[in-house]
Amino acid sequence: MAHPILNRGPVDGQRIGLFGGSFNPPHRGHLAVSVSALRRIKLDWIWWLVSPQNPLKDPNEISDFAERLAAARALVTHPRILVSDLEQRLGTRTTAEMLDAIEPILRRGRFVWIMGADSFAGLDRWNDWRDIPARLPLAVLDRPGFAQAALTSPAARTLARWRLHETDAACLPFLPPPAWVFLRQRHRPESSTAIRRSRQSAPAPLNPAAK
């Protein structure tokens, strides 16, 4: 089956946000971040790139890829957000590898890498992390309790001279990397970690046959 990204790619010049993550599970907080980025950076599209396995996370804590992909697609109804299995199809293990693999596509549009403040706070632990801001502008969206950690992180210090004021966020897709912006936003209560913990602590359903 033809893949909507690999086979067509973006229309030349479109502004596209790449939002990678485990989405374990996806929730409305992810959706709120995406809608905020669409509006404030004036993007044409956001592509959710559901990761088969985050190298920094315990595989035992990651739900089945097909389940996460299906849940993300069921959640997203916004006409300008595309949920993709691109990383699985490419067979790449890291963000840097994936960006290398889609370099011909990146040259056709104006791309921005979107990430939460929690991810940005630990960006220096990613494989080949410097390759990411060297290749794409970054939009860092605030998450509850992570603003301070993100803005004092090794990545923030390394990239300090290229930080934009958030009122200039719409300029981001047009700037050569490195460039980044930290966007404060209304906090959402949802958290993938909290959702997983609540599911694990929920009582098992009764078995009618056992009555």
N, C-alpha and C. Protein backbone atom coordinates (compact mmCIF):
# COMPACT_ATOMS: atom_id res chain seq x y z
N MET A 1 0.85 -1.19 0.00
CA MET A 1 0.00 0.00 0.00
C MET A 1 0.89 1.24 0.00
N ALA A 2 0.54 2.22 -0.80
CA ALA A 2 1.32 3.45 -0.88
C ALA A 2 1.29 4.18 0.46
N HIS A 3 2.43 4.69 0.87
CA HIS A 3 2.52 5.45 2.12
C HIS A 3 2.35 6.92 1.80
N PRO A 4 1.47 7.62 2.52
CA PRO A 4 1.16 9.02 2.17
C PRO A 4 2.35 9.96 2.27
N ILE A 5 3.34 9.61 3.09
CA ILE A 5 4.52 10.46 3.22
C ILE A 5 5.63 10.01 2.28
N LEU A 6 5.95 8.73 2.29
CA LEU A 6 7.06 8.24 1.48
C LEU A 6 6.78 8.39 -0.01
N ASN A 7 5.53 8.29 -0.41
CA ASN A 7 5.22 8.32 -1.83
C ASN A 7 4.84 9.70 -2.34
N ARG A 8 4.27 10.54 -1.48
CA ARG A 8 3.88 11.86 -1.95
C ARG A 8 4.70 12.96 -1.30
N GLY A 9 5.01 12.79 -0.03
CA GLY A 9 5.74 13.84 0.67
C GLY A 9 4.91 15.11 0.74
N PRO A 10 5.48 16.17 1.28
CA PRO A 10 4.73 17.42 1.39
C PRO A 10 4.68 18.16 0.05
N VAL A 11 3.68 18.97 -0.09
CA VAL A 11 3.67 19.89 -1.22
C VAL A 11 4.81 20.87 -1.00
N ASP A 12 5.53 21.19 -2.04
CA ASP A 12 6.70 22.05 -1.91
C ASP A 12 6.35 23.34 -1.17
N GLY A 13 7.17 23.65 -0.17
CA GLY A 13 7.02 24.89 0.57
C GLY A 13 6.06 24.84 1.74
N GLN A 14 5.35 23.73 1.95
CA GLN A 14 4.43 23.67 3.08
C GLN A 14 5.20 23.64 4.40
N ARG A 15 4.54 24.19 5.43
CA ARG A 15 5.12 24.22 6.77
C ARG A 15 4.59 23.03 7.55
N ILE A 16 5.48 22.15 7.96
CA ILE A 16 5.08 20.87 8.54
C ILE A 16 5.80 20.62 9.85
N GLY A 17 5.04 20.29 10.87
CA GLY A 17 5.61 19.94 12.16
C GLY A 17 5.71 18.43 12.29
N LEU A 18 6.87 17.95 12.70
CA LEU A 18 7.08 16.53 12.96
C LEU A 18 7.02 16.32 14.47
N PHE A 19 6.07 15.53 14.91
CA PHE A 19 5.85 15.30 16.34
C PHE A 19 6.08 13.82 16.61
N GLY A 20 7.31 13.49 17.03
CA GLY A 20 7.66 12.09 17.27
C GLY A 20 7.45 11.71 18.72
N GLY A 21 7.19 10.43 18.96
CA GLY A 21 7.03 9.96 20.32
C GLY A 21 6.49 8.56 20.38
N SER A 22 6.49 8.02 21.59
CA SER A 22 5.96 6.67 21.79
C SER A 22 4.44 6.65 21.75
N PHE A 23 3.82 7.75 22.20
CA PHE A 23 2.36 7.82 22.29
C PHE A 23 1.85 6.57 23.02
N ASN A 24 2.31 6.44 24.26
CA ASN A 24 2.12 5.20 25.02
C ASN A 24 1.37 5.42 26.34
N PRO A 25 0.07 5.70 26.28
CA PRO A 25 -0.79 5.77 25.09
C PRO A 25 -0.95 7.22 24.63
N PRO A 26 -1.52 7.41 23.43
CA PRO A 26 -1.85 8.77 22.99
C PRO A 26 -3.02 9.32 23.80
N HIS A 27 -3.05 10.63 23.99
CA HIS A 27 -4.14 11.23 24.77
C HIS A 27 -4.39 12.65 24.29
N ARG A 28 -5.38 13.29 24.89
CA ARG A 28 -5.79 14.62 24.42
C ARG A 28 -4.74 15.69 24.72
N GLY A 29 -3.83 15.42 25.62
CA GLY A 29 -2.73 16.35 25.83
C GLY A 29 -1.84 16.43 24.59
N HIS A 30 -1.57 15.27 23.96
CA HIS A 30 -0.82 15.27 22.70
C HIS A 30 -1.56 16.07 21.64
N LEU A 31 -2.86 15.90 21.61
CA LEU A 31 -3.68 16.60 20.62
C LEU A 31 -3.65 18.11 20.88
N ALA A 32 -3.72 18.51 22.15
CA ALA A 32 -3.70 19.94 22.48
C ALA A 32 -2.38 20.58 22.08
N VAL A 33 -1.27 19.87 22.31
CA VAL A 33 0.05 20.37 21.90
C VAL A 33 0.07 20.59 20.39
N SER A 34 -0.47 19.62 19.65
CA SER A 34 -0.46 19.70 18.19
C SER A 34 -1.29 20.87 17.68
N VAL A 35 -2.47 21.03 18.24
CA VAL A 35 -3.34 22.12 17.80
C VAL A 35 -2.72 23.47 18.14
N SER A 36 -2.08 23.55 19.31
CA SER A 36 -1.40 24.79 19.70
C SER A 36 -0.27 25.10 18.74
N ALA A 37 0.51 24.09 18.36
CA ALA A 37 1.62 24.30 17.43
C ALA A 37 1.11 24.70 16.05
N LEU A 38 0.04 24.06 15.59
CA LEU A 38 -0.55 24.45 14.30
C LEU A 38 -0.89 25.93 14.28
N ARG A 39 -1.48 26.39 15.37
CA ARG A 39 -1.97 27.77 15.43
C ARG A 39 -0.84 28.77 15.62
N ARG A 40 0.07 28.50 16.55
CA ARG A 40 1.05 29.50 16.93
C ARG A 40 2.25 29.55 15.98
N ILE A 41 2.56 28.43 15.34
CA ILE A 41 3.66 28.42 14.38
C ILE A 41 3.11 28.57 12.95
N LYS A 42 1.79 28.55 12.85
CA LYS A 42 1.10 28.70 11.56
C LYS A 42 1.54 27.59 10.59
N LEU A 43 1.43 26.35 11.08
CA LEU A 43 1.80 25.19 10.29
C LEU A 43 0.65 24.77 9.38
N ASP A 44 1.01 24.14 8.27
CA ASP A 44 -0.01 23.57 7.39
C ASP A 44 -0.40 22.17 7.85
N TRP A 45 0.58 21.43 8.36
CA TRP A 45 0.35 20.05 8.78
C TRP A 45 1.17 19.74 10.02
N ILE A 46 0.71 18.74 10.76
CA ILE A 46 1.55 18.08 11.75
C ILE A 46 1.49 16.59 11.47
N TRP A 47 2.66 15.96 11.45
CA TRP A 47 2.74 14.51 11.30
C TRP A 47 3.12 13.91 12.64
N TRP A 48 2.25 13.06 13.17
CA TRP A 48 2.61 12.29 14.36
C TRP A 48 3.43 11.09 13.89
N LEU A 49 4.64 10.96 14.38
CA LEU A 49 5.51 9.84 14.03
C LEU A 49 5.57 8.90 15.22
N VAL A 50 4.75 7.87 15.19
CA VAL A 50 4.66 6.92 16.30
C VAL A 50 5.89 6.02 16.27
N SER A 51 6.66 6.05 17.34
CA SER A 51 7.92 5.31 17.40
C SER A 51 7.69 3.85 17.75
N PRO A 52 8.30 2.92 17.00
CA PRO A 52 8.18 1.50 17.37
C PRO A 52 8.76 1.21 18.75
N GLN A 53 9.91 1.83 19.07
CA GLN A 53 10.53 1.63 20.38
C GLN A 53 11.51 2.76 20.66
N ASN A 54 11.26 3.50 21.72
CA ASN A 54 12.17 4.56 22.15
C ASN A 54 13.39 3.90 22.79
N PRO A 55 14.60 4.15 22.27
CA PRO A 55 15.80 3.51 22.85
C PRO A 55 16.04 3.85 24.31
N LEU A 56 15.46 4.96 24.79
CA LEU A 56 15.67 5.37 26.18
C LEU A 56 14.65 4.77 27.13
N LYS A 57 13.68 4.03 26.60
CA LYS A 57 12.62 3.51 27.45
C LYS A 57 12.66 1.99 27.51
N ASP A 58 12.21 1.45 28.62
CA ASP A 58 12.17 0.01 28.84
C ASP A 58 11.15 -0.61 27.89
N PRO A 59 11.58 -1.57 27.04
CA PRO A 59 10.63 -2.21 26.12
C PRO A 59 9.44 -2.85 26.83
N ASN A 60 9.63 -3.26 28.09
CA ASN A 60 8.54 -3.88 28.83
C ASN A 60 7.45 -2.89 29.21
N GLU A 61 7.77 -1.59 29.13
CA GLU A 61 6.79 -0.58 29.48
C GLU A 61 6.10 0.02 28.25
N ILE A 62 6.49 -0.44 27.06
CA ILE A 62 5.93 0.09 25.83
C ILE A 62 4.87 -0.87 25.30
N SER A 63 3.69 -0.38 25.07
CA SER A 63 2.61 -1.21 24.54
C SER A 63 2.90 -1.59 23.09
N ASP A 64 2.16 -2.56 22.61
CA ASP A 64 2.32 -3.03 21.24
C ASP A 64 2.20 -1.87 20.26
N PHE A 65 3.11 -1.85 19.28
CA PHE A 65 3.14 -0.74 18.32
C PHE A 65 1.82 -0.60 17.58
N ALA A 66 1.28 -1.71 17.09
CA ALA A 66 0.03 -1.65 16.33
C ALA A 66 -1.10 -1.07 17.17
N GLU A 67 -1.12 -1.39 18.46
CA GLU A 67 -2.15 -0.86 19.35
C GLU A 67 -1.99 0.64 19.53
N ARG A 68 -0.75 1.10 19.71
CA ARG A 68 -0.52 2.53 19.89
C ARG A 68 -0.85 3.31 18.62
N LEU A 69 -0.49 2.74 17.48
CA LEU A 69 -0.78 3.40 16.21
C LEU A 69 -2.29 3.50 15.99
N ALA A 70 -3.00 2.40 16.26
CA ALA A 70 -4.45 2.39 16.08
C ALA A 70 -5.12 3.36 17.05
N ALA A 71 -4.62 3.43 18.29
CA ALA A 71 -5.20 4.34 19.28
C ALA A 71 -4.99 5.79 18.87
N ALA A 72 -3.81 6.09 18.33
CA ALA A 72 -3.53 7.46 17.88
C ALA A 72 -4.44 7.83 16.72
N ARG A 73 -4.62 6.93 15.78
CA ARG A 73 -5.48 7.22 14.64
C ARG A 73 -6.94 7.36 15.05
N ALA A 74 -7.35 6.61 16.08
CA ALA A 74 -8.72 6.72 16.56
C ALA A 74 -8.94 8.06 17.28
N LEU A 75 -7.89 8.55 17.95
CA LEU A 75 -8.00 9.79 18.70
C LEU A 75 -8.02 11.01 17.80
N VAL A 76 -7.20 10.99 16.74
CA VAL A 76 -7.00 12.18 15.91
C VAL A 76 -8.08 12.28 14.84
N THR A 77 -8.84 13.34 14.91
CA THR A 77 -9.84 13.62 13.88
C THR A 77 -9.57 14.95 13.19
N HIS A 78 -8.53 15.66 13.64
CA HIS A 78 -8.21 16.96 13.05
C HIS A 78 -7.76 16.77 11.61
N PRO A 79 -8.29 17.53 10.68
CA PRO A 79 -7.98 17.31 9.26
C PRO A 79 -6.54 17.63 8.86
N ARG A 80 -5.79 18.32 9.73
CA ARG A 80 -4.42 18.68 9.37
C ARG A 80 -3.37 17.97 10.24
N ILE A 81 -3.80 16.90 10.91
CA ILE A 81 -2.87 16.08 11.68
C ILE A 81 -2.89 14.67 11.10
N LEU A 82 -1.72 14.21 10.67
CA LEU A 82 -1.58 12.90 10.05
C LEU A 82 -0.81 11.98 10.99
N VAL A 83 -1.38 10.84 11.33
CA VAL A 83 -0.72 9.85 12.18
C VAL A 83 -0.01 8.85 11.27
N SER A 84 1.29 8.67 11.48
CA SER A 84 2.10 7.88 10.55
C SER A 84 2.90 6.78 11.25
N ASP A 85 3.09 5.68 10.51
CA ASP A 85 3.98 4.60 10.93
C ASP A 85 5.31 4.70 10.20
N LEU A 86 5.70 5.91 9.86
CA LEU A 86 6.88 6.15 9.04
C LEU A 86 8.13 5.49 9.60
N GLU A 87 8.37 5.64 10.91
CA GLU A 87 9.60 5.09 11.48
C GLU A 87 9.65 3.58 11.37
N GLN A 88 8.52 2.92 11.57
CA GLN A 88 8.51 1.46 11.43
C GLN A 88 8.80 1.05 9.99
N ARG A 89 8.21 1.75 9.05
CA ARG A 89 8.43 1.42 7.64
C ARG A 89 9.89 1.64 7.23
N LEU A 90 10.50 2.67 7.78
CA LEU A 90 11.89 2.95 7.44
C LEU A 90 12.86 1.99 8.14
N GLY A 91 12.44 1.46 9.29
CA GLY A 91 13.30 0.57 10.05
C GLY A 91 14.39 1.30 10.82
N THR A 92 14.19 2.60 11.07
CA THR A 92 15.19 3.38 11.81
C THR A 92 14.94 3.25 13.30
N ARG A 93 16.01 3.43 14.10
CA ARG A 93 15.91 3.25 15.54
C ARG A 93 15.93 4.57 16.30
N THR A 94 16.48 5.60 15.71
CA THR A 94 16.61 6.88 16.41
C THR A 94 16.07 8.01 15.54
N THR A 95 15.81 9.13 16.19
CA THR A 95 15.33 10.30 15.45
C THR A 95 16.35 10.77 14.42
N ALA A 96 17.62 10.78 14.81
CA ALA A 96 18.66 11.23 13.89
C ALA A 96 18.71 10.34 12.65
N GLU A 97 18.59 9.02 12.84
CA GLU A 97 18.58 8.09 11.71
C GLU A 97 17.38 8.33 10.81
N MET A 98 16.22 8.55 11.43
CA MET A 98 15.01 8.78 10.65
C MET A 98 15.12 10.05 9.82
N LEU A 99 15.66 11.12 10.40
CA LEU A 99 15.81 12.37 9.66
C LEU A 99 16.79 12.21 8.50
N ASP A 100 17.82 11.41 8.70
CA ASP A 100 18.74 11.12 7.60
C ASP A 100 17.99 10.43 6.46
N ALA A 101 17.13 9.47 6.82
CA ALA A 101 16.43 8.67 5.82
C ALA A 101 15.44 9.48 5.00
N ILE A 102 14.87 10.53 5.59
CA ILE A 102 13.87 11.32 4.86
C ILE A 102 14.43 12.66 4.39
N GLU A 103 15.74 12.77 4.30
CA GLU A 103 16.36 14.02 3.87
C GLU A 103 15.78 14.54 2.55
N PRO A 104 15.53 13.70 1.53
CA PRO A 104 14.95 14.23 0.29
C PRO A 104 13.58 14.88 0.50
N ILE A 105 12.80 14.35 1.44
CA ILE A 105 11.50 14.93 1.75
C ILE A 105 11.68 16.25 2.50
N LEU A 106 12.62 16.28 3.43
CA LEU A 106 12.85 17.50 4.21
C LEU A 106 13.22 18.68 3.32
N ARG A 107 13.90 18.40 2.23
CA ARG A 107 14.32 19.48 1.34
C ARG A 107 13.14 20.09 0.58
N ARG A 108 11.99 19.41 0.57
CA ARG A 108 10.86 19.89 -0.20
C ARG A 108 9.94 20.83 0.59
N GLY A 109 10.01 20.76 1.91
CA GLY A 109 9.10 21.57 2.71
C GLY A 109 9.85 22.38 3.76
N ARG A 110 9.10 23.05 4.60
CA ARG A 110 9.66 23.83 5.71
C ARG A 110 9.26 23.11 7.00
N PHE A 111 10.17 22.31 7.51
CA PHE A 111 9.87 21.41 8.62
C PHE A 111 10.33 21.97 9.96
N VAL A 112 9.58 21.60 11.00
CA VAL A 112 9.89 21.95 12.37
C VAL A 112 9.74 20.67 13.21
N TRP A 113 10.69 20.43 14.10
CA TRP A 113 10.57 19.30 15.02
C TRP A 113 9.86 19.78 16.28
N ILE A 114 8.77 19.11 16.65
CA ILE A 114 7.95 19.48 17.80
C ILE A 114 8.21 18.50 18.93
N MET A 115 8.42 19.03 20.14
CA MET A 115 8.65 18.16 21.29
C MET A 115 8.17 18.83 22.56
N GLY A 116 7.85 18.02 23.55
CA GLY A 116 7.45 18.55 24.84
C GLY A 116 8.65 18.98 25.66
N ALA A 117 8.41 19.84 26.64
CA ALA A 117 9.49 20.32 27.50
C ALA A 117 10.17 19.17 28.24
N ASP A 118 9.42 18.12 28.56
CA ASP A 118 10.01 16.97 29.25
C ASP A 118 11.04 16.28 28.36
N SER A 119 10.76 16.15 27.08
CA SER A 119 11.71 15.55 26.14
C SER A 119 12.92 16.45 25.92
N PHE A 120 12.67 17.75 25.79
CA PHE A 120 13.77 18.69 25.57
C PHE A 120 14.72 18.71 26.76
N ALA A 121 14.17 18.56 27.96
CA ALA A 121 15.01 18.56 29.16
C ALA A 121 16.05 17.44 29.12
N GLY A 122 15.72 16.33 28.46
CA GLY A 122 16.65 15.21 28.36
C GLY A 122 17.19 14.99 26.97
N LEU A 123 17.11 15.99 26.11
CA LEU A 123 17.53 15.82 24.72
C LEU A 123 19.00 15.41 24.61
N ASP A 124 19.83 15.87 25.54
CA ASP A 124 21.26 15.55 25.46
C ASP A 124 21.53 14.06 25.66
N ARG A 125 20.54 13.29 26.10
CA ARG A 125 20.72 11.85 26.27
C ARG A 125 20.31 11.07 25.02
N TRP A 126 19.75 11.77 24.02
CA TRP A 126 19.37 11.09 22.78
C TRP A 126 20.61 10.76 21.96
N ASN A 127 20.51 9.72 21.16
CA ASN A 127 21.59 9.37 20.25
C ASN A 127 21.78 10.48 19.22
N ASP A 128 23.04 10.91 19.06
CA ASP A 128 23.37 11.94 18.07
C ASP A 128 22.45 13.15 18.18
N TRP A 129 22.22 13.60 19.42
CA TRP A 129 21.19 14.61 19.65
C TRP A 129 21.50 15.94 18.96
N ARG A 130 22.76 16.28 18.80
CA ARG A 130 23.10 17.55 18.17
C ARG A 130 22.70 17.59 16.69
N ASP A 131 22.55 16.41 16.09
CA ASP A 131 22.16 16.37 14.68
C ASP A 131 20.74 16.89 14.48
N ILE A 132 19.90 16.80 15.50
CA ILE A 132 18.49 17.18 15.34
C ILE A 132 18.33 18.69 15.22
N PRO A 133 18.82 19.50 16.19
CA PRO A 133 18.71 20.96 16.01
C PRO A 133 19.58 21.48 14.87
N ALA A 134 20.59 20.71 14.46
CA ALA A 134 21.40 21.14 13.32
C ALA A 134 20.66 20.95 12.00
N ARG A 135 19.62 20.10 12.02
CA ARG A 135 18.90 19.78 10.79
C ARG A 135 17.55 20.50 10.69
N LEU A 136 16.87 20.66 11.85
CA LEU A 136 15.53 21.25 11.84
C LEU A 136 15.39 22.27 12.97
N PRO A 137 14.61 23.34 12.76
CA PRO A 137 14.22 24.20 13.88
C PRO A 137 13.39 23.38 14.88
N LEU A 138 13.45 23.76 16.14
CA LEU A 138 12.73 23.04 17.19
C LEU A 138 11.66 23.92 17.82
N ALA A 139 10.49 23.33 18.05
CA ALA A 139 9.44 23.99 18.82
C ALA A 139 9.24 23.16 20.09
N VAL A 140 9.52 23.77 21.24
CA VAL A 140 9.43 23.07 22.52
C VAL A 140 8.17 23.57 23.23
N LEU A 141 7.24 22.66 23.47
CA LEU A 141 5.97 23.02 24.10
C LEU A 141 6.03 22.72 25.60
N ASP A 142 5.62 23.68 26.39
CA ASP A 142 5.65 23.55 27.85
C ASP A 142 4.82 22.35 28.31
N ARG A 143 5.32 21.69 29.36
CA ARG A 143 4.60 20.61 30.02
C ARG A 143 4.62 20.88 31.51
N PRO A 144 3.57 20.49 32.24
CA PRO A 144 3.51 20.78 33.68
C PRO A 144 4.74 20.26 34.41
N GLY A 145 5.41 21.18 35.13
CA GLY A 145 6.55 20.80 35.96
C GLY A 145 7.87 20.66 35.23
N PHE A 146 7.93 20.96 33.93
CA PHE A 146 9.17 20.74 33.19
C PHE A 146 9.78 22.01 32.60
N ALA A 147 9.16 23.15 32.76
CA ALA A 147 9.69 24.37 32.15
C ALA A 147 11.09 24.69 32.64
N GLN A 148 11.31 24.67 33.95
CA GLN A 148 12.61 25.00 34.50
C GLN A 148 13.68 24.01 34.04
N ALA A 149 13.34 22.72 34.07
CA ALA A 149 14.31 21.71 33.66
C ALA A 149 14.67 21.86 32.19
N ALA A 150 13.67 22.18 31.37
CA ALA A 150 13.91 22.34 29.94
C ALA A 150 14.80 23.55 29.66
N LEU A 151 14.50 24.66 30.30
CA LEU A 151 15.19 25.91 30.00
C LEU A 151 16.57 26.02 30.64
N THR A 152 16.91 25.09 31.52
CA THR A 152 18.26 25.05 32.09
C THR A 152 19.01 23.79 31.67
N SER A 153 18.47 23.07 30.73
CA SER A 153 19.05 21.80 30.30
C SER A 153 20.31 22.01 29.47
N PRO A 154 21.13 20.97 29.30
CA PRO A 154 22.30 21.10 28.42
C PRO A 154 21.94 21.54 27.01
N ALA A 155 20.82 21.04 26.49
CA ALA A 155 20.40 21.45 25.14
C ALA A 155 20.07 22.93 25.10
N ALA A 156 19.35 23.43 26.10
CA ALA A 156 19.00 24.84 26.14
C ALA A 156 20.23 25.72 26.24
N ARG A 157 21.21 25.30 27.04
CA ARG A 157 22.43 26.09 27.18
C ARG A 157 23.25 26.08 25.88
N THR A 158 23.31 24.92 25.25
CA THR A 158 24.05 24.81 24.00
C THR A 158 23.43 25.66 22.91
N LEU A 159 22.10 25.72 22.89
CA LEU A 159 21.38 26.41 21.81
C LEU A 159 20.90 27.80 22.21
N ALA A 160 21.37 28.32 23.33
CA ALA A 160 20.83 29.57 23.88
C ALA A 160 20.84 30.72 22.88
N ARG A 161 21.89 30.86 22.12
CA ARG A 161 22.01 32.02 21.23
C ARG A 161 21.02 31.98 20.07
N TRP A 162 20.43 30.83 19.82
CA TRP A 162 19.51 30.69 18.69
C TRP A 162 18.04 30.61 19.13
N ARG A 163 17.76 30.94 20.39
CA ARG A 163 16.38 30.88 20.88
C ARG A 163 15.59 32.10 20.42
N LEU A 164 14.38 31.86 19.91
CA LEU A 164 13.49 32.94 19.51
C LEU A 164 12.56 33.30 20.68
N HIS A 165 12.07 34.52 20.66
CA HIS A 165 10.99 34.88 21.57
C HIS A 165 9.72 34.21 21.06
N GLU A 166 8.86 33.78 21.97
CA GLU A 166 7.69 33.03 21.53
C GLU A 166 6.73 33.85 20.66
N THR A 167 6.82 35.17 20.72
CA THR A 167 5.98 35.97 19.83
C THR A 167 6.44 35.87 18.37
N ASP A 168 7.64 35.34 18.16
CA ASP A 168 8.18 35.17 16.81
C ASP A 168 8.05 33.73 16.32
N ALA A 169 7.22 32.94 17.00
CA ALA A 169 7.14 31.51 16.69
C ALA A 169 6.78 31.23 15.23
N ALA A 170 5.96 32.08 14.63
CA ALA A 170 5.55 31.85 13.25
C ALA A 170 6.70 31.97 12.26
N CYS A 171 7.81 32.56 12.69
CA CYS A 171 8.99 32.68 11.82
C CYS A 171 9.79 31.38 11.78
N LEU A 172 9.56 30.49 12.73
CA LEU A 172 10.41 29.32 12.90
C LEU A 172 10.58 28.47 11.63
N PRO A 173 9.51 28.15 10.89
CA PRO A 173 9.70 27.30 9.71
C PRO A 173 10.57 27.92 8.63
N PHE A 174 10.76 29.23 8.68
CA PHE A 174 11.50 29.91 7.63
C PHE A 174 12.97 30.17 7.99
N LEU A 175 13.36 29.78 9.20
CA LEU A 175 14.71 30.05 9.66
C LEU A 175 15.62 28.84 9.45
N PRO A 176 16.88 29.09 9.09
CA PRO A 176 17.83 27.98 8.99
C PRO A 176 18.16 27.47 10.38
N PRO A 177 18.32 26.17 10.53
CA PRO A 177 18.72 25.65 11.84
C PRO A 177 20.19 25.98 12.13
N PRO A 178 20.53 26.08 13.41
CA PRO A 178 19.67 25.89 14.56
C PRO A 178 18.80 27.11 14.86
N ALA A 179 17.59 26.82 15.30
CA ALA A 179 16.66 27.85 15.77
C ALA A 179 15.63 27.12 16.62
N TRP A 180 15.19 27.75 17.70
CA TRP A 180 14.20 27.08 18.52
C TRP A 180 13.38 28.10 19.31
N VAL A 181 12.24 27.63 19.76
CA VAL A 181 11.35 28.49 20.53
C VAL A 181 10.72 27.65 21.64
N PHE A 182 10.55 28.26 22.80
CA PHE A 182 9.85 27.62 23.91
C PHE A 182 8.47 28.26 24.01
N LEU A 183 7.44 27.45 23.86
CA LEU A 183 6.08 27.96 23.85
C LEU A 183 5.35 27.58 25.13
N ARG A 184 5.03 28.57 25.93
CA ARG A 184 4.22 28.32 27.12
C ARG A 184 2.77 28.18 26.68
N GLN A 185 2.05 27.32 27.38
CA GLN A 185 0.67 27.07 27.01
C GLN A 185 -0.12 26.65 28.24
N ARG A 186 -1.41 26.64 28.08
CA ARG A 186 -2.27 26.17 29.17
C ARG A 186 -1.99 24.70 29.43
N HIS A 187 -1.73 24.36 30.69
CA HIS A 187 -1.37 23.00 31.02
C HIS A 187 -2.58 22.07 30.96
N ARG A 188 -2.32 20.88 30.47
CA ARG A 188 -3.33 19.84 30.41
C ARG A 188 -2.99 18.79 31.48
N PRO A 189 -4.01 18.16 32.08
CA PRO A 189 -3.74 17.19 33.15
C PRO A 189 -3.29 15.82 32.64
N GLU A 190 -3.52 15.53 31.35
CA GLU A 190 -3.23 14.19 30.86
C GLU A 190 -1.74 13.88 30.85
N SER A 191 -1.41 12.63 31.11
CA SER A 191 -0.03 12.16 31.07
C SER A 191 -0.06 10.68 30.70
N SER A 192 0.78 10.29 29.74
CA SER A 192 0.83 8.88 29.36
C SER A 192 1.24 8.02 30.55
N THR A 193 2.21 8.51 31.34
CA THR A 193 2.66 7.75 32.51
C THR A 193 1.53 7.55 33.50
N ALA A 194 0.77 8.63 33.78
CA ALA A 194 -0.34 8.53 34.73
C ALA A 194 -1.42 7.59 34.21
N ILE A 195 -1.70 7.65 32.91
CA ILE A 195 -2.71 6.76 32.33
C ILE A 195 -2.28 5.31 32.48
N ARG A 196 -1.01 5.01 32.19
CA ARG A 196 -0.52 3.63 32.33
C ARG A 196 -0.63 3.15 33.78
N ARG A 197 -0.25 4.02 34.71
CA ARG A 197 -0.31 3.63 36.12
C ARG A 197 -1.74 3.38 36.57
N SER A 198 -2.68 4.20 36.09
CA SER A 198 -4.07 4.00 36.48
C SER A 198 -4.62 2.69 35.92
N ARG A 199 -4.17 2.34 34.72
CA ARG A 199 -4.60 1.07 34.13
C ARG A 199 -4.03 -0.12 34.89
N GLN A 200 -2.76 0.02 35.32
CA GLN A 200 -2.13 -1.07 36.05
C GLN A 200 -2.76 -1.29 37.42
N SER A 201 -3.24 -0.19 38.04
CA SER A 201 -3.81 -0.30 39.39
C SER A 201 -5.29 -0.59 39.37
N ALA A 202 -5.93 -0.55 38.20
CA ALA A 202 -7.36 -0.81 38.12
C ALA A 202 -7.64 -2.26 38.46
N PRO A 203 -8.73 -2.55 39.23
CA PRO A 203 -9.05 -3.93 39.56
C PRO A 203 -9.42 -4.74 38.32
N ALA A 204 -9.06 -6.00 38.34
CA ALA A 204 -9.37 -6.87 37.22
C ALA A 204 -10.87 -7.07 37.14
N PRO A 205 -11.45 -7.14 35.92
CA PRO A 205 -12.89 -7.35 35.78
C PRO A 205 -13.30 -8.70 36.32
N LEU A 206 -14.50 -8.75 36.87
CA LEU A 206 -15.03 -10.00 37.40
C LEU A 206 -15.30 -11.00 36.30
N ASN A 207 -15.05 -12.25 36.57
CA ASN A 207 -15.33 -13.32 35.62
C ASN A 207 -16.69 -13.90 35.95
N PRO A 208 -17.70 -13.66 35.10
CA PRO A 208 -19.05 -14.17 35.42
C PRO A 208 -19.07 -15.66 35.64
N ALA A 209 -18.19 -16.41 34.98
CA ALA A 209 -18.21 -17.86 35.10
C ALA A 209 -17.76 -18.31 36.48
N ALA A 210 -17.11 -17.39 37.22
CA ALA A 210 -16.61 -17.75 38.53
C ALA A 210 -17.66 -17.61 39.62
N LYS A 211 -18.82 -17.03 39.27
CA LYS A 211 -19.89 -16.83 40.28
C LYS A 211 -20.56 -18.16 40.64
